Amino acid sequence: MGSNILLIGNYVFEAYYWLILISIFGSWFPQFQSSKVGVWITKLVEPYLGLFRRFIPPLGPIDFSPIIAIFAFRFIRQFALEGLRQSLNLIGV
């Protein structure tokens, strides 16, 4: 059961990671941003990316905040899944 919980957690993080990437690449195409899928993805991802945009302003036309957000997300994912794994081991699942 514990491995299933870790697997589901991994899938959730992986799905959100791909939503972040789709949002970043979709931002290059105005048609995508105005589509229903683009609006939906932006609503899911923007709260996370917005945290980084507040602290890392764009340098001219280039916005480096999504790159930093992706690196941070990978670390968050690693620590969260490892913490979940250790918690599951602690309770004996």
PDB file of N, CA and C in Angstrom:
ATOM      1  N   MET A   1       0.815  -1.189   0.000  1.00  0.00           N
ATOM      2  CA  MET A   1       0.000   0.000   0.000  1.00  0.00           C
ATOM      3  C   MET A   1       0.865   1.263   0.000  1.00  0.00           C
ATOM      4  N   GLY A   2       1.946   1.231   0.757  1.00  0.00           N
ATOM      5  CA  GLY A   2       2.835   2.385   0.809  1.00  0.00           C
ATOM      6  C   GLY A   2       3.435   2.718  -0.539  1.00  0.00           C
ATOM      7  N   SER A   3       3.791   1.665  -1.295  1.00  0.00           N
ATOM      8  CA  SER A   3       4.369   1.918  -2.618  1.00  0.00           C
ATOM      9  C   SER A   3       3.329   2.508  -3.558  1.00  0.00           C
ATOM     10  N   ASN A   4       2.047   2.139  -3.379  1.00  0.00           N
ATOM     11  CA  ASN A   4       0.990   2.724  -4.204  1.00  0.00           C
ATOM     12  C   ASN A   4       0.813   4.207  -3.900  1.00  0.00           C
ATOM     13  N   ILE A   5       0.909   4.574  -2.632  1.00  0.00           N
ATOM     14  CA  ILE A   5       0.800   5.986  -2.251  1.00  0.00           C
ATOM     15  C   ILE A   5       1.959   6.780  -2.842  1.00  0.00           C
ATOM     16  N   LEU A   6       3.158   6.218  -2.766  1.00  0.00           N
ATOM     17  CA  LEU A   6       4.318   6.891  -3.370  1.00  0.00           C
ATOM     18  C   LEU A   6       4.163   7.009  -4.877  1.00  0.00           C
ATOM     19  N   LEU A   7       3.634   5.983  -5.504  1.00  0.00           N
ATOM     20  CA  LEU A   7       3.436   5.997  -6.949  1.00  0.00           C
ATOM     21  C   LEU A   7       2.426   7.073  -7.343  1.00  0.00           C
ATOM     22  N   ILE A   8       1.342   7.167  -6.596  1.00  0.00           N
ATOM     23  CA  ILE A   8       0.344   8.207  -6.870  1.00  0.00           C
ATOM     24  C   ILE A   8       0.944   9.592  -6.658  1.00  0.00           C
ATOM     25  N   GLY A   9       1.707   9.765  -5.575  1.00  0.00           N
ATOM     26  CA  GLY A   9       2.380  11.041  -5.335  1.00  0.00           C
ATOM     27  C   GLY A   9       3.327  11.403  -6.462  1.00  0.00           C
ATOM     28  N   ASN A  10       4.056  10.412  -6.947  1.00  0.00           N
ATOM     29  CA  ASN A  10       4.970  10.639  -8.061  1.00  0.00           C
ATOM     30  C   ASN A  10       4.206  11.056  -9.313  1.00  0.00           C
ATOM     31  N   TYR A  11       3.074  10.394  -9.587  1.00  0.00           N
ATOM     32  CA  TYR A  11       2.261  10.755 -10.753  1.00  0.00           C
ATOM     33  C   TYR A  11       1.713  12.171 -10.650  1.00  0.00           C
ATOM     34  N   VAL A  12       1.297  12.568  -9.457  1.00  0.00           N
ATOM     35  CA  VAL A  12       0.765  13.921  -9.269  1.00  0.00           C
ATOM     36  C   VAL A  12       1.859  14.962  -9.535  1.00  0.00           C
ATOM     37  N   PHE A  13       3.028  14.731  -8.970  1.00  0.00           N
ATOM     38  CA  PHE A  13       4.134  15.672  -9.215  1.00  0.00           C
ATOM     39  C   PHE A  13       4.532  15.685 -10.685  1.00  0.00           C
ATOM     40  N   GLU A  14       4.566  14.526 -11.312  1.00  0.00           N
ATOM     41  CA  GLU A  14       4.943  14.450 -12.734  1.00  0.00           C
ATOM     42  C   GLU A  14       3.918  15.175 -13.606  1.00  0.00           C
ATOM     43  N   ALA A  15       2.648  14.997 -13.312  1.00  0.00           N
ATOM     44  CA  ALA A  15       1.601  15.676 -14.082  1.00  0.00           C
ATOM     45  C   ALA A  15       1.717  17.193 -13.936  1.00  0.00           C
ATOM     46  N   TYR A  16       1.948  17.659 -12.709  1.00  0.00           N
ATOM     47  CA  TYR A  16       2.069  19.100 -12.496  1.00  0.00           C
ATOM     48  C   TYR A  16       3.325  19.653 -13.176  1.00  0.00           C
ATOM     49  N   TYR A  17       4.390  18.875 -13.168  1.00  0.00           N
ATOM     50  CA  TYR A  17       5.615  19.287 -13.863  1.00  0.00           C
ATOM     51  C   TYR A  17       5.332  19.500 -15.354  1.00  0.00           C
ATOM     52  N   TRP A  18       4.599  18.574 -15.955  1.00  0.00           N
ATOM     53  CA  TRP A  18       4.278  18.703 -17.371  1.00  0.00           C
ATOM     54  C   TRP A  18       3.327  19.867 -17.621  1.00  0.00           C
ATOM     55  N   LEU A  19       2.422  20.131 -16.699  1.00  0.00           N
ATOM     56  CA  LEU A  19       1.552  21.296 -16.839  1.00  0.00           C
ATOM     57  C   LEU A  19       2.364  22.592 -16.803  1.00  0.00           C
ATOM     58  N   ILE A  20       3.386  22.642 -15.954  1.00  0.00           N
ATOM     59  CA  ILE A  20       4.262  23.813 -15.910  1.00  0.00           C
ATOM     60  C   ILE A  20       4.969  23.989 -17.254  1.00  0.00           C
ATOM     61  N   LEU A  21       5.521  22.907 -17.782  1.00  0.00           N
ATOM     62  CA  LEU A  21       6.214  22.994 -19.072  1.00  0.00           C
ATOM     63  C   LEU A  21       5.265  23.396 -20.199  1.00  0.00           C
ATOM     64  N   ILE A  22       4.080  22.821 -20.224  1.00  0.00           N
ATOM     65  CA  ILE A  22       3.109  23.176 -21.257  1.00  0.00           C
ATOM     66  C   ILE A  22       2.729  24.646 -21.143  1.00  0.00           C
ATOM     67  N   SER A  23       2.566  25.121 -19.918  1.00  0.00           N
ATOM     68  CA  SER A  23       2.235  26.525 -19.712  1.00  0.00           C
ATOM     69  C   SER A  23       3.360  27.442 -20.200  1.00  0.00           C
ATOM     70  N   ILE A  24       4.591  27.059 -19.914  1.00  0.00           N
ATOM     71  CA  ILE A  24       5.733  27.876 -20.342  1.00  0.00           C
ATOM     72  C   ILE A  24       5.817  27.932 -21.863  1.00  0.00           C
ATOM     73  N   PHE A  25       5.772  26.777 -22.509  1.00  0.00           N
ATOM     74  CA  PHE A  25       5.859  26.760 -23.969  1.00  0.00           C
ATOM     75  C   PHE A  25       4.603  27.336 -24.615  1.00  0.00           C
ATOM     76  N   GLY A  26       3.455  27.143 -23.974  1.00  0.00           N
ATOM     77  CA  GLY A  26       2.222  27.706 -24.498  1.00  0.00           C
ATOM     78  C   GLY A  26       2.185  29.216 -24.427  1.00  0.00           C
ATOM     79  N   SER A  27       2.967  29.793 -23.517  1.00  0.00           N
ATOM     80  CA  SER A  27       2.996  31.254 -23.406  1.00  0.00           C
ATOM     81  C   SER A  27       3.600  31.908 -24.644  1.00  0.00           C
ATOM     82  N   TRP A  28       4.271  31.135 -25.472  1.00  0.00           N
ATOM     83  CA  TRP A  28       4.846  31.667 -26.710  1.00  0.00           C
ATOM     84  C   TRP A  28       3.803  31.785 -27.822  1.00  0.00           C
ATOM     85  N   PHE A  29       2.629  31.179 -27.617  1.00  0.00           N
ATOM     86  CA  PHE A  29       1.597  31.142 -28.644  1.00  0.00           C
ATOM     87  C   PHE A  29       0.307  31.756 -28.107  1.00  0.00           C
ATOM     88  N   PRO A  30      -0.066  32.940 -28.591  1.00  0.00           N
ATOM     89  CA  PRO A  30      -1.282  33.601 -28.098  1.00  0.00           C
ATOM     90  C   PRO A  30      -2.546  32.752 -28.297  1.00  0.00           C
ATOM     91  N   GLN A  31      -2.585  31.950 -29.363  1.00  0.00           N
ATOM     92  CA  GLN A  31      -3.760  31.110 -29.601  1.00  0.00           C
ATOM     93  C   GLN A  31      -3.929  30.093 -28.474  1.00  0.00           C
ATOM     94  N   PHE A  32      -2.827  29.566 -27.969  1.00  0.00           N
ATOM     95  CA  PHE A  32      -2.896  28.597 -26.880  1.00  0.00           C
ATOM     96  C   PHE A  32      -3.381  29.257 -25.602  1.00  0.00           C
ATOM     97  N   GLN A  33      -2.865  30.436 -25.324  1.00  0.00           N
ATOM     98  CA  GLN A  33      -3.228  31.129 -24.083  1.00  0.00           C
ATOM     99  C   GLN A  33      -4.714  31.462 -24.026  1.00  0.00           C
ATOM    100  N   SER A  34      -5.323  31.709 -25.170  1.00  0.00           N
ATOM    101  CA  SER A  34      -6.738  32.075 -25.176  1.00  0.00           C
ATOM    102  C   SER A  34      -7.660  30.869 -25.344  1.00  0.00           C
ATOM    103  N   SER A  35      -7.097  29.691 -25.565  1.00  0.00           N
ATOM    104  CA  SER A  35      -7.929  28.493 -25.698  1.00  0.00           C
ATOM    105  C   SER A  35      -8.411  28.037 -24.322  1.00  0.00           C
ATOM    106  N   LYS A  36      -9.434  27.174 -24.305  1.00  0.00           N
ATOM    107  CA  LYS A  36      -9.960  26.670 -23.033  1.00  0.00           C
ATOM    108  C   LYS A  36      -8.903  25.879 -22.273  1.00  0.00           C
ATOM    109  N   VAL A  37      -8.150  25.064 -22.985  1.00  0.00           N
ATOM    110  CA  VAL A  37      -7.096  24.269 -22.346  1.00  0.00           C
ATOM    111  C   VAL A  37      -6.010  25.181 -21.789  1.00  0.00           C
ATOM    112  N   GLY A  38      -5.618  26.180 -22.558  1.00  0.00           N
ATOM    113  CA  GLY A  38      -4.588  27.111 -22.107  1.00  0.00           C
ATOM    114  C   GLY A  38      -5.008  27.887 -20.885  1.00  0.00           C
ATOM    115  N   VAL A  39      -6.254  28.329 -20.858  1.00  0.00           N
ATOM    116  CA  VAL A  39      -6.763  29.066 -19.693  1.00  0.00           C
ATOM    117  C   VAL A  39      -6.796  28.156 -18.471  1.00  0.00           C
ATOM    118  N   TRP A  40      -7.237  26.914 -18.655  1.00  0.00           N
ATOM    119  CA  TRP A  40      -7.314  25.952 -17.563  1.00  0.00           C
ATOM    120  C   TRP A  40      -5.925  25.663 -16.989  1.00  0.00           C
ATOM    121  N   ILE A  41      -4.948  25.411 -17.880  1.00  0.00           N
ATOM    122  CA  ILE A  41      -3.585  25.124 -17.432  1.00  0.00           C
ATOM    123  C   ILE A  41      -2.997  26.341 -16.717  1.00  0.00           C
ATOM    124  N   THR A  42      -3.227  27.517 -17.249  1.00  0.00           N
ATOM    125  CA  THR A  42      -2.712  28.737 -16.625  1.00  0.00           C
ATOM    126  C   THR A  42      -3.292  28.913 -15.225  1.00  0.00           C
ATOM    127  N   LYS A  43      -4.567  28.624 -15.043  1.00  0.00           N
ATOM    128  CA  LYS A  43      -5.180  28.747 -13.712  1.00  0.00           C
ATOM    129  C   LYS A  43      -4.561  27.772 -12.721  1.00  0.00           C
ATOM    130  N   LEU A  44      -4.147  26.611 -13.190  1.00  0.00           N
ATOM    131  CA  LEU A  44      -3.530  25.629 -12.304  1.00  0.00           C
ATOM    132  C   LEU A  44      -2.079  25.967 -11.966  1.00  0.00           C
ATOM    133  N   VAL A  45      -1.357  26.519 -12.916  1.00  0.00           N
ATOM    134  CA  VAL A  45       0.090  26.692 -12.786  1.00  0.00           C
ATOM    135  C   VAL A  45       0.488  28.092 -12.320  1.00  0.00           C
ATOM    136  N   GLU A  46      -0.306  29.073 -12.634  1.00  0.00           N
ATOM    137  CA  GLU A  46       0.075  30.461 -12.339  1.00  0.00           C
ATOM    138  C   GLU A  46       0.289  30.748 -10.855  1.00  0.00           C
ATOM    139  N   PRO A  47      -0.474  30.167  -9.929  1.00  0.00           N
ATOM    140  CA  PRO A  47      -0.158  30.448  -8.522  1.00  0.00           C
ATOM    141  C   PRO A  47       1.268  30.056  -8.139  1.00  0.00           C
ATOM    142  N   TYR A  48       1.749  28.939  -8.682  1.00  0.00           N
ATOM    143  CA  TYR A  48       3.125  28.509  -8.388  1.00  0.00           C
ATOM    144  C   TYR A  48       4.130  29.403  -9.110  1.00  0.00           C
ATOM    145  N   LEU A  49       3.939  29.637 -10.395  1.00  0.00           N
ATOM    146  CA  LEU A  49       4.885  30.466 -11.148  1.00  0.00           C
ATOM    147  C   LEU A  49       4.857  31.916 -10.672  1.00  0.00           C
ATOM    148  N   GLY A  50       3.697  32.367 -10.223  1.00  0.00           N
ATOM    149  CA  GLY A  50       3.574  33.745  -9.729  1.00  0.00           C
ATOM    150  C   GLY A  50       4.452  34.019  -8.522  1.00  0.00           C
ATOM    151  N   LEU A  51       4.675  32.999  -7.691  1.00  0.00           N
ATOM    152  CA  LEU A  51       5.583  33.171  -6.550  1.00  0.00           C
ATOM    153  C   LEU A  51       6.973  33.586  -7.009  1.00  0.00           C
ATOM    154  N   PHE A  52       7.446  32.985  -8.073  1.00  0.00           N
ATOM    155  CA  PHE A  52       8.790  33.279  -8.571  1.00  0.00           C
ATOM    156  C   PHE A  52       8.826  34.574  -9.357  1.00  0.00           C
ATOM    157  N   ARG A  53       7.738  34.916 -10.036  1.00  0.00           N
ATOM    158  CA  ARG A  53       7.698  36.166 -10.798  1.00  0.00           C
ATOM    159  C   ARG A  53       7.728  37.384  -9.883  1.00  0.00           C
ATOM    160  N   ARG A  54       7.253  37.217  -8.651  1.00  0.00           N
ATOM    161  CA  ARG A  54       7.301  38.340  -7.708  1.00  0.00           C
ATOM    162  C   ARG A  54       8.723  38.691  -7.311  1.00  0.00           C
ATOM    163  N   PHE A  55       9.595  37.677  -7.243  1.00  0.00           N
ATOM    164  CA  PHE A  55      10.959  37.892  -6.760  1.00  0.00           C
ATOM    165  C   PHE A  55      11.992  37.988  -7.868  1.00  0.00           C
ATOM    166  N   ILE A  56      11.677  37.464  -9.045  1.00  0.00           N
ATOM    167  CA  ILE A  56      12.622  37.477 -10.156  1.00  0.00           C
ATOM    168  C   ILE A  56      11.966  38.216 -11.320  1.00  0.00           C
ATOM    169  N   PRO A  57      12.245  39.501 -11.447  1.00  0.00           N
ATOM    170  CA  PRO A  57      11.609  40.261 -12.527  1.00  0.00           C
ATOM    171  C   PRO A  57      12.209  39.883 -13.886  1.00  0.00           C
ATOM    172  N   PRO A  58      11.429  40.042 -14.951  1.00  0.00           N
ATOM    173  CA  PRO A  58      11.958  39.752 -16.296  1.00  0.00           C
ATOM    174  C   PRO A  58      13.099  40.696 -16.651  1.00  0.00           C
ATOM    175  N   LEU A  59      14.061  40.182 -17.371  1.00  0.00           N
ATOM    176  CA  LEU A  59      15.169  40.996 -17.869  1.00  0.00           C
ATOM    177  C   LEU A  59      14.892  41.291 -19.342  1.00  0.00           C
ATOM    178  N   GLY A  60      14.223  42.406 -19.566  1.00  0.00           N
ATOM    179  CA  GLY A  60      13.802  42.726 -20.923  1.00  0.00           C
ATOM    180  C   GLY A  60      12.711  41.755 -21.353  1.00  0.00           C
ATOM    181  N   PRO A  61      12.857  41.174 -22.537  1.00  0.00           N
ATOM    182  CA  PRO A  61      11.816  40.249 -23.010  1.00  0.00           C
ATOM    183  C   PRO A  61      11.959  38.830 -22.460  1.00  0.00           C
ATOM    184  N   ILE A  62      13.021  38.581 -21.697  1.00  0.00           N
ATOM    185  CA  ILE A  62      13.289  37.229 -21.209  1.00  0.00           C
ATOM    186  C   ILE A  62      12.898  37.133 -19.740  1.00  0.00           C
ATOM    187  N   ASP A  63      12.080  36.113 -19.447  1.00  0.00           N
ATOM    188  CA  ASP A  63      11.625  35.861 -18.082  1.00  0.00           C
ATOM    189  C   ASP A  63      12.301  34.583 -17.592  1.00  0.00           C
ATOM    190  N   PHE A  64      13.224  34.731 -16.636  1.00  0.00           N
ATOM    191  CA  PHE A  64      13.953  33.583 -16.107  1.00  0.00           C
ATOM    192  C   PHE A  64      13.225  32.894 -14.955  1.00  0.00           C
ATOM    193  N   SER A  65      12.154  33.479 -14.464  1.00  0.00           N
ATOM    194  CA  SER A  65      11.473  32.909 -13.306  1.00  0.00           C
ATOM    195  C   SER A  65      10.933  31.493 -13.562  1.00  0.00           C
ATOM    196  N   PRO A  66      10.418  31.151 -14.749  1.00  0.00           N
ATOM    197  CA  PRO A  66       9.978  29.764 -14.947  1.00  0.00           C
ATOM    198  C   PRO A  66      11.116  28.746 -14.868  1.00  0.00           C
ATOM    199  N   ILE A  67      12.302  29.131 -15.274  1.00  0.00           N
ATOM    200  CA  ILE A  67      13.447  28.218 -15.194  1.00  0.00           C
ATOM    201  C   ILE A  67      13.773  27.931 -13.731  1.00  0.00           C
ATOM    202  N   ILE A  68      13.815  28.980 -12.925  1.00  0.00           N
ATOM    203  CA  ILE A  68      14.072  28.813 -11.493  1.00  0.00           C
ATOM    204  C   ILE A  68      12.931  28.019 -10.851  1.00  0.00           C
ATOM    205  N   ALA A  69      11.696  28.284 -11.282  1.00  0.00           N
ATOM    206  CA  ALA A  69      10.544  27.563 -10.736  1.00  0.00           C
ATOM    207  C   ALA A  69      10.627  26.068 -11.026  1.00  0.00           C
ATOM    208  N   ILE A  70      11.100  25.700 -12.206  1.00  0.00           N
ATOM    209  CA  ILE A  70      11.225  24.279 -12.551  1.00  0.00           C
ATOM    210  C   ILE A  70      12.293  23.618 -11.694  1.00  0.00           C
ATOM    211  N   PHE A  71      13.439  24.274 -11.534  1.00  0.00           N
ATOM    212  CA  PHE A  71      14.486  23.714 -10.668  1.00  0.00           C
ATOM    213  C   PHE A  71      13.973  23.563  -9.234  1.00  0.00           C
ATOM    214  N   ALA A  72      13.290  24.578  -8.728  1.00  0.00           N
ATOM    215  CA  ALA A  72      12.750  24.507  -7.375  1.00  0.00           C
ATOM    216  C   ALA A  72      11.711  23.393  -7.263  1.00  0.00           C
ATOM    217  N   PHE A  73      10.894  23.233  -8.296  1.00  0.00           N
ATOM    218  CA  PHE A  73       9.875  22.189  -8.275  1.00  0.00           C
ATOM    219  C   PHE A  73      10.504  20.805  -8.198  1.00  0.00           C
ATOM    220  N   ARG A  74      11.592  20.601  -8.909  1.00  0.00           N
ATOM    221  CA  ARG A  74      12.270  19.302  -8.855  1.00  0.00           C
ATOM    222  C   ARG A  74      12.787  19.014  -7.449  1.00  0.00           C
ATOM    223  N   PHE A  75      13.338  20.014  -6.779  1.00  0.00           N
ATOM    224  CA  PHE A  75      13.806  19.825  -5.398  1.00  0.00           C
ATOM    225  C   PHE A  75      12.631  19.592  -4.451  1.00  0.00           C
ATOM    226  N   ILE A  76      11.569  20.361  -4.615  1.00  0.00           N
ATOM    227  CA  ILE A  76      10.381  20.188  -3.779  1.00  0.00           C
ATOM    228  C   ILE A  76       9.822  18.780  -3.953  1.00  0.00           C
ATOM    229  N   ARG A  77       9.769  18.339  -5.183  1.00  0.00           N
ATOM    230  CA  ARG A  77       9.260  16.996  -5.473  1.00  0.00           C
ATOM    231  C   ARG A  77      10.113  15.932  -4.783  1.00  0.00           C
ATOM    232  N   GLN A  78      11.414  16.059  -4.920  1.00  0.00           N
ATOM    233  CA  GLN A  78      12.320  15.084  -4.334  1.00  0.00           C
ATOM    234  C   GLN A  78      12.161  15.043  -2.816  1.00  0.00           C
ATOM    235  N   PHE A  79      12.149  16.195  -2.174  1.00  0.00           N
ATOM    236  CA  PHE A  79      12.020  16.240  -0.717  1.00  0.00           C
ATOM    237  C   PHE A  79      10.648  15.766  -0.257  1.00  0.00           C
ATOM    238  N   ALA A  80       9.599  16.136  -0.971  1.00  0.00           N
ATOM    239  CA  ALA A  80       8.250  15.728  -0.577  1.00  0.00           C
ATOM    240  C   ALA A  80       8.078  14.217  -0.690  1.00  0.00           C
ATOM    241  N   LEU A  81       8.538  13.641  -1.788  1.00  0.00           N
ATOM    242  CA  LEU A  81       8.391  12.196  -1.956  1.00  0.00           C
ATOM    243  C   LEU A  81       9.275  11.424  -0.977  1.00  0.00           C
ATOM    244  N   GLU A  82      10.455  11.941  -0.707  1.00  0.00           N
ATOM    245  CA  GLU A  82      11.322  11.280   0.273  1.00  0.00           C
ATOM    246  C   GLU A  82      10.714  11.382   1.670  1.00  0.00           C
ATOM    247  N   GLY A  83      10.163  12.533   2.008  1.00  0.00           N
ATOM    248  CA  GLY A  83       9.487  12.687   3.297  1.00  0.00           C
ATOM    249  C   GLY A  83       8.284  11.774   3.415  1.00  0.00           C
ATOM    250  N   LEU A  84       7.541  11.626   2.329  1.00  0.00           N
ATOM    251  CA  LEU A  84       6.400  10.714   2.327  1.00  0.00           C
ATOM    252  C   LEU A  84       6.858   9.273   2.499  1.00  0.00           C
ATOM    253  N   ARG A  85       7.938   8.914   1.816  1.00  0.00           N
ATOM    254  CA  ARG A  85       8.465   7.558   1.926  1.00  0.00           C
ATOM    255  C   ARG A  85       8.905   7.255   3.363  1.00  0.00           C
ATOM    256  N   GLN A  86       9.615   8.199   3.972  1.00  0.00           N
ATOM    257  CA  GLN A  86      10.074   7.992   5.352  1.00  0.00           C
ATOM    258  C   GLN A  86       8.903   7.963   6.323  1.00  0.00           C
ATOM    259  N   SER A  87       7.885   8.779   6.080  1.00  0.00           N
ATOM    260  CA  SER A  87       6.710   8.755   6.950  1.00  0.00           C
ATOM    261  C   SER A  87       5.977   7.434   6.848  1.00  0.00           C
ATOM    262  N   LEU A  88       5.856   6.916   5.650  1.00  0.00           N
ATOM    263  CA  LEU A  88       5.194   5.628   5.458  1.00  0.00           C
ATOM    264  C   LEU A  88       5.994   4.500   6.117  1.00  0.00           C
ATOM    265  N   ASN A  89       7.317   4.578   6.028  1.00  0.00           N
ATOM    266  CA  ASN A  89       8.157   3.579   6.710  1.00  0.00           C
ATOM    267  C   ASN A  89       8.008   3.680   8.219  1.00  0.00           C
ATOM    268  N   LEU A  90       7.885   4.902   8.717  1.00  0.00           N
ATOM    269  CA  LEU A  90       7.773   5.122  10.156  1.00  0.00           C
ATOM    270  C   LEU A  90       6.492   4.520  10.727  1.00  0.00           C
ATOM    271  N   ILE A  91       5.404   4.663   9.984  1.00  0.00           N
ATOM    272  CA  ILE A  91       4.136   4.126  10.482  1.00  0.00           C
ATOM    273  C   ILE A  91       3.935   2.660  10.086  1.00  0.00           C
ATOM    274  N   GLY A  92       4.877   2.122   9.325  1.00  0.00           N
ATOM    275  CA  GLY A  92       4.847   0.705   8.995  1.00  0.00           C
ATOM    276  C   GLY A  92       3.973   0.310   7.841  1.00  0.00           C
ATOM    277  N   VAL A  93       3.761   1.236   6.924  1.00  0.00           N
ATOM    278  CA  VAL A  93       2.938   0.926   5.744  1.00  0.00           C
ATOM    279  C   VAL A  93       3.836   0.538   4.593  1.00  0.00           C
TER     280      VAL A  93
END
